[in-house]
Amino acid sequence: MSLIAKSLKRLQKASDKKKNVFLGNVRSLRFTEFPMYLLLVFFVVILFILYSFSIYKMVDSQLKKDFYNEVVRVAREIKNMEVQLEKNTGKKIQGFEYLLESGRLNKLKELAQKNNNIKYLGIYYVETSEPEKGSELLEFYLKKHNDVQARLYLALAFLKEGKYLDALNQLERVKADRYEVFLDKAVVLEKLGDIEKAIKYYRVAYEKTNDPVLKGMIRAKLAVLEFAK
């Protein structure tokens, strides 16, 4: 064999040897590093879970904080409304006028029965669609008291009973210059068929009230009555 052939053969053997060594190392490297890759993935997953949990705790904490702040805000608004209502009615919280104005009629009845208050017990019955009981109690009360509020509720009780002349008679005895009185008169007169006078009192009530919703309702009523007249 020539020197060139021998030299090429040696080079080939050396190349094959290096190739085998290289491939063997690669296979060994992959086998030994597989657990490391697994540990790395596990570590990343753990970090992701911890991060997600921390984000959840942070969001949950913020939601609870926002909810608490909202509860405090609503409670403060309710308290302010109660204070304002107390000022408007001139009565202490949980008094008769407060319970009436806030629509707590069952509480109003309990307090009236506890204090044997005929007036507010009568008002309770008028407000809860038992006008007969209400009118009896209020008539008895008005024999000894000159009370505008009680008389207006007595007129309302008669109106609910269909006793329109009795209701009008009670309203005529009220001298207060309030839109409620004129509005009630207008309603009763309309029930009695006296449209001309009803229109007159509706107009007075319209001028005296500052409630835009009520003004709109009265304006609509006047349009209907004017058309039907």
Protein backbone atom coordinates (compact mmCIF):
# COMPACT_ATOMS: atom_id res chain seq x y z
CA MET A 1 0.00 0.00 0.00
CA SER A 2 1.32 3.42 -0.90
CA LEU A 3 2.17 6.05 1.66
CA ILE A 4 -0.70 8.21 0.42
CA ALA A 5 -3.16 5.35 0.82
CA LYS A 6 -1.86 4.60 4.33
CA SER A 7 -2.03 8.26 5.22
CA LEU A 8 -5.62 8.54 3.96
CA LYS A 9 -6.54 5.38 5.87
CA ARG A 10 -5.10 6.78 9.08
CA LEU A 11 -6.95 10.04 8.54
CA GLN A 12 -10.18 8.15 7.95
CA LYS A 13 -9.72 6.12 11.14
CA ALA A 14 -8.92 9.25 13.08
CA SER A 15 -11.99 10.95 11.65
CA ASP A 16 -14.23 7.98 12.51
CA LYS A 17 -12.77 7.86 16.00
CA LYS A 18 -13.44 11.56 16.55
CA LYS A 19 -16.93 11.15 15.13
CA ASN A 20 -17.71 8.25 17.45
CA VAL A 21 -16.33 10.12 20.42
CA PHE A 22 -18.32 13.20 19.50
CA LEU A 23 -21.56 11.30 18.99
CA GLY A 24 -21.04 9.38 22.20
CA ASN A 25 -20.53 12.59 24.09
CA VAL A 26 -23.65 14.09 22.60
CA ARG A 27 -25.77 11.11 23.58
CA SER A 28 -24.30 11.18 27.06
CA LEU A 29 -24.87 14.93 27.34
CA ARG A 30 -28.51 14.69 26.33
CA PHE A 31 -29.15 11.87 28.76
CA THR A 32 -27.54 13.59 31.69
CA GLU A 33 -29.10 17.00 30.99
CA PHE A 34 -32.72 15.76 30.66
CA PRO A 35 -33.39 15.89 34.42
CA MET A 36 -31.98 19.40 34.45
CA TYR A 37 -34.45 20.48 31.76
CA LEU A 38 -37.25 18.86 33.75
CA LEU A 39 -36.19 20.71 36.89
CA LEU A 40 -36.01 23.96 34.96
CA VAL A 41 -39.55 23.51 33.60
CA PHE A 42 -40.82 22.59 37.06
CA PHE A 43 -39.14 25.66 38.51
CA VAL A 44 -40.71 27.91 35.85
CA VAL A 45 -44.16 26.42 36.51
CA ILE A 46 -43.74 27.00 40.24
CA LEU A 47 -42.72 30.59 39.60
CA PHE A 48 -45.76 31.10 37.35
CA ILE A 49 -48.11 29.66 39.98
CA LEU A 50 -46.61 31.86 42.69
CA TYR A 51 -46.84 34.91 40.46
CA SER A 52 -50.47 34.13 39.54
CA PHE A 53 -51.35 33.63 43.20
CA SER A 54 -49.73 36.94 44.15
CA ILE A 55 -51.68 38.70 41.37
CA TYR A 56 -54.91 37.05 42.60
CA LYS A 57 -54.24 38.15 46.19
CA MET A 58 -53.52 41.68 45.06
CA VAL A 59 -56.70 41.88 42.93
CA ASP A 60 -58.79 40.29 45.69
CA SER A 61 -57.39 42.74 48.23
CA GLN A 62 -58.18 45.67 45.95
CA LEU A 63 -61.74 44.44 45.35
CA LYS A 64 -62.34 44.07 49.08
CA LYS A 65 -60.94 47.54 49.65
CA ASP A 66 -63.15 49.02 46.93
CA PHE A 67 -66.21 47.19 48.31
CA TYR A 68 -65.49 48.43 51.82
CA ASN A 69 -65.10 51.99 50.56
CA GLU A 70 -68.40 51.70 48.68
CA VAL A 71 -70.19 50.41 51.80
CA VAL A 72 -68.78 53.28 53.83
CA ARG A 73 -69.85 55.77 51.16
CA VAL A 74 -73.41 54.40 51.03
CA ALA A 75 -73.65 54.34 54.82
CA ARG A 76 -72.47 57.95 54.93
CA GLU A 77 -75.05 58.98 52.32
CA ILE A 78 -77.83 57.22 54.24
CA LYS A 79 -76.75 58.97 57.42
CA ASN A 80 -76.72 62.34 55.66
CA MET A 81 -80.20 61.67 54.25
CA GLU A 82 -81.46 60.79 57.73
CA VAL A 83 -79.98 63.97 59.17
CA GLN A 84 -81.52 66.02 56.36
CA LEU A 85 -84.88 64.33 56.84
CA GLU A 86 -84.65 65.02 60.57
CA LYS A 87 -84.10 68.70 59.82
CA ASN A 88 -86.95 68.81 57.31
CA THR A 89 -89.48 67.13 59.59
CA GLY A 90 -88.29 68.81 62.76
CA LYS A 91 -88.57 65.46 64.51
CA LYS A 92 -85.95 63.14 65.90
CA ILE A 93 -84.97 60.03 63.98
CA GLN A 94 -87.53 57.23 64.38
CA GLY A 95 -90.23 59.78 65.31
CA PHE A 96 -93.73 59.71 63.81
CA GLU A 97 -93.01 62.18 60.99
CA TYR A 98 -89.75 60.49 60.10
CA LEU A 99 -91.45 57.09 59.82
CA LEU A 100 -94.29 58.59 57.79
CA GLU A 101 -91.99 60.48 55.42
CA SER A 102 -89.70 57.47 54.92
CA GLY A 103 -92.62 55.12 54.26
CA ARG A 104 -91.96 52.85 57.25
CA LEU A 105 -95.64 52.38 57.91
CA ASN A 106 -95.39 49.18 59.96
CA LYS A 107 -92.98 50.93 62.32
CA LEU A 108 -95.34 53.91 62.37
CA LYS A 109 -98.21 51.65 63.43
CA GLU A 110 -96.11 50.00 66.16
CA LEU A 111 -95.02 53.37 67.55
CA ALA A 112 -98.56 54.79 67.38
CA GLN A 113 -100.01 51.78 69.22
CA LYS A 114 -97.23 51.89 71.80
CA ASN A 115 -97.88 55.58 72.49
CA ASN A 116 -101.67 55.33 72.03
CA ASN A 117 -101.44 58.03 69.35
CA ILE A 118 -104.83 58.16 67.61
CA LYS A 119 -103.76 60.63 64.92
CA TYR A 120 -100.89 58.64 63.48
CA LEU A 121 -102.72 55.35 63.87
CA GLY A 122 -105.53 56.88 61.79
CA ILE A 123 -103.00 58.11 59.22
CA TYR A 124 -101.54 54.59 59.06
CA TYR A 125 -104.94 53.12 58.19
CA VAL A 126 -105.57 55.78 55.53
CA GLU A 127 -102.17 55.09 53.97
CA THR A 128 -102.68 51.31 53.99
CA SER A 129 -106.04 51.23 52.19
CA GLU A 130 -108.22 50.95 55.31
CA PRO A 131 -109.83 54.41 55.05
CA GLU A 132 -112.88 53.50 57.12
CA LYS A 133 -110.77 52.80 60.22
CA GLY A 134 -108.65 55.84 59.47
CA SER A 135 -111.58 58.23 59.12
CA GLU A 136 -113.13 57.04 62.40
CA LEU A 137 -109.93 57.64 64.35
CA LEU A 138 -109.18 60.98 62.68
CA GLU A 139 -112.73 62.30 63.22
CA PHE A 140 -112.43 61.40 66.89
CA TYR A 141 -109.02 63.09 67.09
CA LEU A 142 -110.22 66.28 65.34
CA LYS A 143 -113.00 66.79 67.86
CA LYS A 144 -110.34 67.96 70.29
CA HIS A 145 -107.57 69.17 67.99
CA ASN A 146 -107.31 71.67 65.16
CA ASP A 147 -104.73 69.84 63.08
CA VAL A 148 -104.28 70.61 59.38
CA GLN A 149 -102.40 67.41 58.65
CA ALA A 150 -105.03 65.25 60.32
CA ARG A 151 -107.81 67.05 58.43
CA LEU A 152 -106.06 66.55 55.09
CA TYR A 153 -105.73 62.85 55.83
CA LEU A 154 -109.39 62.71 56.82
CA ALA A 155 -110.28 64.28 53.46
CA LEU A 156 -108.11 61.67 51.77
CA ALA A 157 -109.88 58.91 53.70
CA PHE A 158 -113.29 60.23 52.54
CA LEU A 159 -111.96 60.48 48.98
CA LYS A 160 -110.88 56.83 49.08
CA GLU A 161 -114.28 55.86 50.46
CA GLY A 162 -116.01 57.69 47.63
CA LYS A 163 -117.49 60.29 50.01
CA TYR A 164 -116.58 63.24 47.81
CA LEU A 165 -118.81 65.86 49.46
CA ASP A 166 -117.46 64.93 52.90
CA ALA A 167 -113.92 65.19 51.53
CA LEU A 168 -114.63 68.62 50.01
CA ASN A 169 -116.18 69.80 53.27
CA GLN A 170 -113.01 68.90 55.18
CA LEU A 171 -110.82 70.63 52.59
CA GLU A 172 -112.91 73.80 52.77
CA ARG A 173 -112.12 73.96 56.48
CA VAL A 174 -108.38 73.98 55.83
CA LYS A 175 -107.11 77.57 55.59
CA ALA A 176 -103.50 76.73 54.75
CA ASP A 177 -102.22 78.30 51.54
CA ARG A 178 -100.46 75.14 50.31
CA TYR A 179 -100.52 73.55 46.89
CA GLU A 180 -101.58 70.20 48.41
CA VAL A 181 -104.87 71.72 49.57
CA PHE A 182 -105.68 73.15 46.13
CA LEU A 183 -104.64 69.97 44.40
CA ASP A 184 -106.85 67.87 46.67
CA LYS A 185 -109.76 70.23 46.05
CA ALA A 186 -109.23 69.96 42.30
CA VAL A 187 -109.27 66.15 42.47
CA VAL A 188 -112.45 66.07 44.56
CA LEU A 189 -114.22 68.62 42.34
CA GLU A 190 -113.27 66.60 39.28
CA LYS A 191 -114.81 63.53 40.92
CA LEU A 192 -117.96 65.56 41.58
CA GLY A 193 -118.10 66.61 37.92
CA ASP A 194 -117.43 70.31 38.53
CA ILE A 195 -114.79 70.62 35.80
CA GLU A 196 -114.65 74.45 35.78
CA LYS A 197 -113.73 74.67 39.46
CA ALA A 198 -111.43 71.66 39.16
CA ILE A 199 -109.48 73.43 36.41
CA LYS A 200 -109.29 76.56 38.55
CA TYR A 201 -107.77 74.72 41.50
CA TYR A 202 -105.44 72.66 39.30
CA ARG A 203 -104.03 75.94 37.96
CA VAL A 204 -103.51 77.32 41.46
CA ALA A 205 -101.76 74.11 42.53
CA TYR A 206 -99.58 74.30 39.40
CA GLU A 207 -98.45 77.82 40.28
CA LYS A 208 -97.72 76.99 43.91
CA THR A 209 -95.67 73.80 43.48
CA ASN A 210 -91.99 73.78 42.60
CA ASP A 211 -91.89 70.07 41.79
CA PRO A 212 -91.21 69.72 38.02
CA VAL A 213 -92.69 66.21 37.90
CA LEU A 214 -95.89 67.35 39.60
CA LYS A 215 -96.07 70.36 37.30
CA GLY A 216 -95.89 68.04 34.31
CA MET A 217 -98.69 65.84 35.67
CA ILE A 218 -100.92 68.84 36.41
CA ARG A 219 -100.22 70.29 32.96
CA ALA A 220 -101.26 66.99 31.37
CA LYS A 221 -104.42 66.87 33.50
CA LEU A 222 -105.33 70.43 32.52
CA ALA A 223 -104.88 69.59 28.82
CA VAL A 224 -107.28 66.64 29.16
CA LEU A 225 -109.88 68.64 31.10
CA GLU A 226 -109.67 71.60 28.72
CA PHE A 227 -110.23 69.25 25.79
CA ALA A 228 -113.16 67.50 27.48
CA LYS A 229 -114.79 70.72 28.63
